Amino acid sequence: MTNDHDDGGAPPNTYITREELQKEGIPLAWRDYCAHLLPDLNKCRKESYYLPWKCENERVAWMKCQYDDYQRRMRKLEKRQSQREADRADSVAESL
């Protein structure tokens, strides 16, 4: 499985503009990488009166996006931590 938004250092591209998010009424706290999936999910939820067994495809797509984004951020953090440890080990070796 490949991640199309994992390029190392740059934040991932978003697929929805700020104006569209504003128009859809998406709160600032929910405006992350997966915000492009929320308008369809919210529309489906409103049309189905928030019944828990409705809109499963939209909900699962949003949750998968959230999980993949979490995994991307954790890989980035682990990479940064391993780089710091390697730099620290190099500085200790140089000081001896």
C-alpha atoms as a PDB file:
ATOM      1  CA  MET A   1       0.000   0.000   0.000  1.00  0.00           C
ATOM      2  CA  THR A   2       1.375   3.380  -0.954  1.00  0.00           C
ATOM      3  CA  ASN A   3       0.587   6.782   0.440  1.00  0.00           C
ATOM      4  CA  ASP A   4       0.134   9.418  -2.206  1.00  0.00           C
ATOM      5  CA  HIS A   5       0.559  12.193   0.356  1.00  0.00           C
ATOM      6  CA  ASP A   6       3.779  11.054   2.050  1.00  0.00           C
ATOM      7  CA  ASP A   7       6.574  13.103   0.537  1.00  0.00           C
ATOM      8  CA  GLY A   8       8.792  13.431   3.582  1.00  0.00           C
ATOM      9  CA  GLY A   9       8.680  16.969   4.866  1.00  0.00           C
ATOM     10  CA  ALA A  10       5.936  19.002   3.267  1.00  0.00           C
ATOM     11  CA  PRO A  11       2.416  18.933   4.660  1.00  0.00           C
ATOM     12  CA  PRO A  12      -0.032  16.974   2.519  1.00  0.00           C
ATOM     13  CA  ASN A  13      -2.098  18.763  -0.091  1.00  0.00           C
ATOM     14  CA  THR A  14      -5.730  19.345   0.700  1.00  0.00           C
ATOM     15  CA  TYR A  15      -8.447  18.548  -1.790  1.00  0.00           C
ATOM     16  CA  ILE A  16     -10.872  21.285  -0.717  1.00  0.00           C
ATOM     17  CA  THR A  17     -10.415  25.040  -0.531  1.00  0.00           C
ATOM     18  CA  ARG A  18     -10.927  27.240   2.497  1.00  0.00           C
ATOM     19  CA  GLU A  19     -13.867  28.887   0.794  1.00  0.00           C
ATOM     20  CA  GLU A  20     -15.567  25.532   0.250  1.00  0.00           C
ATOM     21  CA  LEU A  21     -14.954  24.570   3.876  1.00  0.00           C
ATOM     22  CA  GLN A  22     -16.429  27.882   5.002  1.00  0.00           C
ATOM     23  CA  LYS A  23     -19.455  27.412   2.732  1.00  0.00           C
ATOM     24  CA  GLU A  24     -20.022  23.884   4.051  1.00  0.00           C
ATOM     25  CA  GLY A  25     -19.743  25.113   7.652  1.00  0.00           C
ATOM     26  CA  ILE A  26     -16.885  22.812   8.621  1.00  0.00           C
ATOM     27  CA  PRO A  27     -15.489  23.995  12.002  1.00  0.00           C
ATOM     28  CA  LEU A  28     -11.823  24.992  12.174  1.00  0.00           C
ATOM     29  CA  ALA A  29     -11.020  22.068  14.472  1.00  0.00           C
ATOM     30  CA  TRP A  30     -12.100  19.603  11.757  1.00  0.00           C
ATOM     31  CA  ARG A  31     -10.187  21.231   8.893  1.00  0.00           C
ATOM     32  CA  ASP A  32      -7.400  18.727   8.491  1.00  0.00           C
ATOM     33  CA  TYR A  33      -6.147  16.582   5.625  1.00  0.00           C
ATOM     34  CA  CYS A  34      -9.409  14.582   5.532  1.00  0.00           C
ATOM     35  CA  ALA A  35     -11.759  17.577   5.546  1.00  0.00           C
ATOM     36  CA  HIS A  36     -12.592  17.005   1.880  1.00  0.00           C
ATOM     37  CA  LEU A  37     -14.617  13.939   2.922  1.00  0.00           C
ATOM     38  CA  LEU A  38     -16.726  15.730   5.526  1.00  0.00           C
ATOM     39  CA  PRO A  39     -19.199  17.595   3.263  1.00  0.00           C
ATOM     40  CA  ASP A  40     -20.470  14.344   1.737  1.00  0.00           C
ATOM     41  CA  LEU A  41     -20.590  12.634   5.136  1.00  0.00           C
ATOM     42  CA  ASN A  42     -22.444  15.520   6.767  1.00  0.00           C
ATOM     43  CA  LYS A  43     -24.904  15.753   3.872  1.00  0.00           C
ATOM     44  CA  CYS A  44     -25.647  12.039   4.093  1.00  0.00           C
ATOM     45  CA  ARG A  45     -26.041  12.230   7.867  1.00  0.00           C
ATOM     46  CA  LYS A  46     -28.480  15.134   7.646  1.00  0.00           C
ATOM     47  CA  GLU A  47     -30.532  13.411   4.931  1.00  0.00           C
ATOM     48  CA  SER A  48     -30.738  10.192   6.967  1.00  0.00           C
ATOM     49  CA  TYR A  49     -31.419  11.922  10.305  1.00  0.00           C
ATOM     50  CA  TYR A  50     -28.097  10.681  11.744  1.00  0.00           C
ATOM     51  CA  LEU A  51     -29.178   7.037  11.769  1.00  0.00           C
ATOM     52  CA  PRO A  52     -26.081   5.048  12.827  1.00  0.00           C
ATOM     53  CA  TRP A  53     -26.464   2.355  10.152  1.00  0.00           C
ATOM     54  CA  LYS A  54     -26.684   4.879   7.320  1.00  0.00           C
ATOM     55  CA  CYS A  55     -23.747   6.569   5.571  1.00  0.00           C
ATOM     56  CA  GLU A  56     -21.352   3.749   6.417  1.00  0.00           C
ATOM     57  CA  ASN A  57     -19.337   4.123   3.208  1.00  0.00           C
ATOM     58  CA  GLU A  58     -18.755   7.837   3.795  1.00  0.00           C
ATOM     59  CA  ARG A  59     -17.954   7.330   7.469  1.00  0.00           C
ATOM     60  CA  VAL A  60     -15.524   4.473   6.802  1.00  0.00           C
ATOM     61  CA  ALA A  61     -13.790   6.483   4.062  1.00  0.00           C
ATOM     62  CA  TRP A  62     -13.345   9.414   6.452  1.00  0.00           C
ATOM     63  CA  MET A  63     -12.110   7.173   9.300  1.00  0.00           C
ATOM     64  CA  LYS A  64      -9.631   5.415   6.963  1.00  0.00           C
ATOM     65  CA  CYS A  65      -8.331   8.777   5.811  1.00  0.00           C
ATOM     66  CA  GLN A  66      -7.890   9.846   9.445  1.00  0.00           C
ATOM     67  CA  TYR A  67      -6.046   6.610  10.240  1.00  0.00           C
ATOM     68  CA  ASP A  68      -3.762   6.884   7.208  1.00  0.00           C
ATOM     69  CA  ASP A  69      -2.959  10.491   8.116  1.00  0.00           C
ATOM     70  CA  TYR A  70      -2.176   9.403  11.691  1.00  0.00           C
ATOM     71  CA  GLN A  71       0.148   6.692  10.384  1.00  0.00           C
ATOM     72  CA  ARG A  72       1.893   9.226   8.120  1.00  0.00           C
ATOM     73  CA  ARG A  73       2.440  11.613  11.031  1.00  0.00           C
ATOM     74  CA  MET A  74       3.764   8.807  13.274  1.00  0.00           C
ATOM     75  CA  ARG A  75       6.249   7.675  10.596  1.00  0.00           C
ATOM     76  CA  LYS A  76       7.406  11.272  10.266  1.00  0.00           C
ATOM     77  CA  LEU A  77       7.818  11.564  14.055  1.00  0.00           C
ATOM     78  CA  GLU A  78       9.732   8.281  14.291  1.00  0.00           C
ATOM     79  CA  LYS A  79      11.999   9.361  11.460  1.00  0.00           C
ATOM     80  CA  ARG A  80      12.667  12.690  13.199  1.00  0.00           C
ATOM     81  CA  GLN A  81      13.378  10.947  16.516  1.00  0.00           C
ATOM     82  CA  SER A  82      15.755   8.427  14.946  1.00  0.00           C
ATOM     83  CA  GLN A  83      17.561  11.283  13.198  1.00  0.00           C
ATOM     84  CA  ARG A  84      17.952  13.123  16.522  1.00  0.00           C
ATOM     85  CA  GLU A  85      19.317   9.975  18.178  1.00  0.00           C
ATOM     86  CA  ALA A  86      21.794   9.481  15.349  1.00  0.00           C
ATOM     87  CA  ASP A  87      22.891  13.128  15.593  1.00  0.00           C
ATOM     88  CA  ARG A  88      23.260  12.784  19.350  1.00  0.00           C
ATOM     89  CA  ALA A  89      25.348   9.615  18.963  1.00  0.00           C
ATOM     90  CA  ASP A  90      27.562  11.341  16.392  1.00  0.00           C
ATOM     91  CA  SER A  91      28.151  14.327  18.687  1.00  0.00           C
ATOM     92  CA  VAL A  92      29.043  12.023  21.596  1.00  0.00           C
ATOM     93  CA  ALA A  93      31.449  10.057  19.387  1.00  0.00           C
ATOM     94  CA  GLU A  94      33.104  13.287  18.216  1.00  0.00           C
ATOM     95  CA  SER A  95      33.572  14.555  21.756  1.00  0.00           C
ATOM     96  CA  LEU A  96      35.466  11.408  22.799  1.00  0.00           C
END
